[in-house]
Every structure is written in C-alpha cells, then in structure tokens.
C-alpha atoms as a PDB file:
ATOM      1  CA  MET A   1      -2.849  35.779 -37.521  1.00  0.00           C
ATOM      2  CA  ARG A   2      -2.541  32.097 -36.738  1.00  0.00           C
ATOM      3  CA  GLY A   3      -5.106  29.603 -37.862  1.00  0.00           C
ATOM      4  CA  PRO A   4      -7.314  27.342 -35.710  1.00  0.00           C
ATOM      5  CA  HIS A   5      -4.994  24.322 -36.135  1.00  0.00           C
ATOM      6  CA  GLU A   6      -2.314  26.039 -34.022  1.00  0.00           C
ATOM      7  CA  ARG A   7      -3.926  25.044 -30.707  1.00  0.00           C
ATOM      8  CA  ARG A   8      -3.864  21.336 -31.649  1.00  0.00           C
ATOM      9  CA  LYS A   9      -0.195  21.460 -32.555  1.00  0.00           C
ATOM     10  CA  TYR A  10       1.018  21.610 -28.929  1.00  0.00           C
ATOM     11  CA  ASP A  11       0.247  19.477 -25.887  1.00  0.00           C
ATOM     12  CA  LEU A  12      -0.080  21.823 -22.888  1.00  0.00           C
ATOM     13  CA  ARG A  13      -0.953  19.206 -20.274  1.00  0.00           C
ATOM     14  CA  ARG A  14       1.124  18.430 -17.183  1.00  0.00           C
ATOM     15  CA  VAL A  15       2.507  14.951 -16.470  1.00  0.00           C
ATOM     16  CA  TRP A  16       2.351  13.751 -12.845  1.00  0.00           C
ATOM     17  CA  GLU A  17       3.968  10.600 -11.398  1.00  0.00           C
ATOM     18  CA  CYS A  18       3.164   8.808  -8.145  1.00  0.00           C
ATOM     19  CA  PRO A  19       6.304   8.252  -6.016  1.00  0.00           C
ATOM     20  CA  ASP A  20       4.950   4.955  -4.638  1.00  0.00           C
ATOM     21  CA  CYS A  21       3.355   3.069  -7.559  1.00  0.00           C
ATOM     22  CA  HIS A  22       4.915   5.114 -10.440  1.00  0.00           C
ATOM     23  CA  HIS A  23       1.512   5.690 -12.043  1.00  0.00           C
ATOM     24  CA  LYS A  24       1.579   8.566 -14.558  1.00  0.00           C
ATOM     25  CA  GLU A  25      -1.341  10.865 -15.240  1.00  0.00           C
ATOM     26  CA  ARG A  26      -1.834  13.850 -17.557  1.00  0.00           C
ATOM     27  CA  THR A  27      -3.881  16.825 -16.409  1.00  0.00           C
ATOM     28  CA  SER A  28      -4.636  20.300 -17.653  1.00  0.00           C
ATOM     29  CA  GLY A  29      -2.485  23.240 -16.621  1.00  0.00           C
ATOM     30  CA  VAL A  30      -4.861  24.397 -13.895  1.00  0.00           C
ATOM     31  CA  VAL A  31      -4.190  21.392 -11.601  1.00  0.00           C
ATOM     32  CA  THR A  32      -1.589  22.359  -8.972  1.00  0.00           C
ATOM     33  CA  SER A  33      -1.440  19.196  -6.839  1.00  0.00           C
ATOM     34  CA  LEU A  34      -2.694  15.656  -7.266  1.00  0.00           C
ATOM     35  CA  PHE A  35      -3.029  12.462  -5.215  1.00  0.00           C
ATOM     36  CA  CYS A  36      -2.912   8.974  -6.701  1.00  0.00           C
ATOM     37  CA  GLY A  37      -5.637   6.396  -6.102  1.00  0.00           C
ATOM     38  CA  CYS A  38      -3.178   4.184  -4.223  1.00  0.00           C
ATOM     39  CA  GLN A  39      -2.926   6.907  -1.558  1.00  0.00           C
ATOM     40  CA  GLN A  40      -6.619   6.522  -0.626  1.00  0.00           C
ATOM     41  CA  LYS A  41      -5.760   3.557   1.616  1.00  0.00           C
ATOM     42  CA  CYS A  42      -3.272   5.589   3.684  1.00  0.00           C
ATOM     43  CA  GLU A  43      -4.062   7.851   6.591  1.00  0.00           C
ATOM     44  CA  ARG A  44      -4.565  11.479   5.653  1.00  0.00           C
ATOM     45  CA  ASN A  45      -1.282  12.606   7.263  1.00  0.00           C
ATOM     46  CA  ASP A  46       0.743   9.820   5.574  1.00  0.00           C
ATOM     47  CA  ARG A  47      -0.273  10.600   1.981  1.00  0.00           C
ATOM     48  CA  HIS A  48       2.319  11.669  -0.603  1.00  0.00           C
ATOM     49  CA  ALA A  49       1.363  14.006  -3.423  1.00  0.00           C
ATOM     50  CA  MET A  50       2.196  13.048  -6.989  1.00  0.00           C
ATOM     51  CA  LEU A  51       5.358  14.636  -8.398  1.00  0.00           C
ATOM     52  CA  LEU A  52       5.292  16.963 -11.388  1.00  0.00           C
ATOM     53  CA  ARG A  53       7.483  15.412 -14.100  1.00  0.00           C
ATOM     54  CA  GLU A  54       6.799  17.475 -17.239  1.00  0.00           C
ATOM     55  CA  GLU A  55       5.312  20.893 -17.697  1.00  0.00           C
ATOM     56  CA  GLY A  56       5.154  23.202 -20.665  1.00  0.00           C
ATOM     57  CA  ALA A  57       4.367  23.023 -24.336  1.00  0.00           C
ATOM     58  CA  ARG A  58       5.320  19.865 -26.218  1.00  0.00           C
ATOM     59  CA  ARG A  59       4.866  19.573 -29.929  1.00  0.00           C
ATOM     60  CA  ILE A  60       2.632  16.671 -30.956  1.00  0.00           C
END
C-alpha cells in the first residue's frame, strides 16, 4: 500500500496555451476546453479556444 505522500509526488494538471497572446494556464484534469481572457473582446463566433500543451503525470 502506498502512503499519503504519493499523491503530492505527481502534478496531474493540464497546461493550456492561448494561440493569440501565448498565455499559459494550469487546470485540473476535468477541464476539457478553455478560453483566454483576451478572447472576451472578440465576437462569439471569432473566439479561439486555448490549445492543450501538456497532459499527464509529471513528477514534481
């Protein structure tokens, strides 16, 4: 059985990057799409979703 420190050993968050302003943001694994704050000024049909750059377990 693994101890309680095992869950803090890995970073399971996703890294998203905006294609326009290159802003990076980390979210939990349940987020499937994300829009950057710079996209709020655009019309709804002209918005670009942030791109998923890293996913999976990374050792801290």
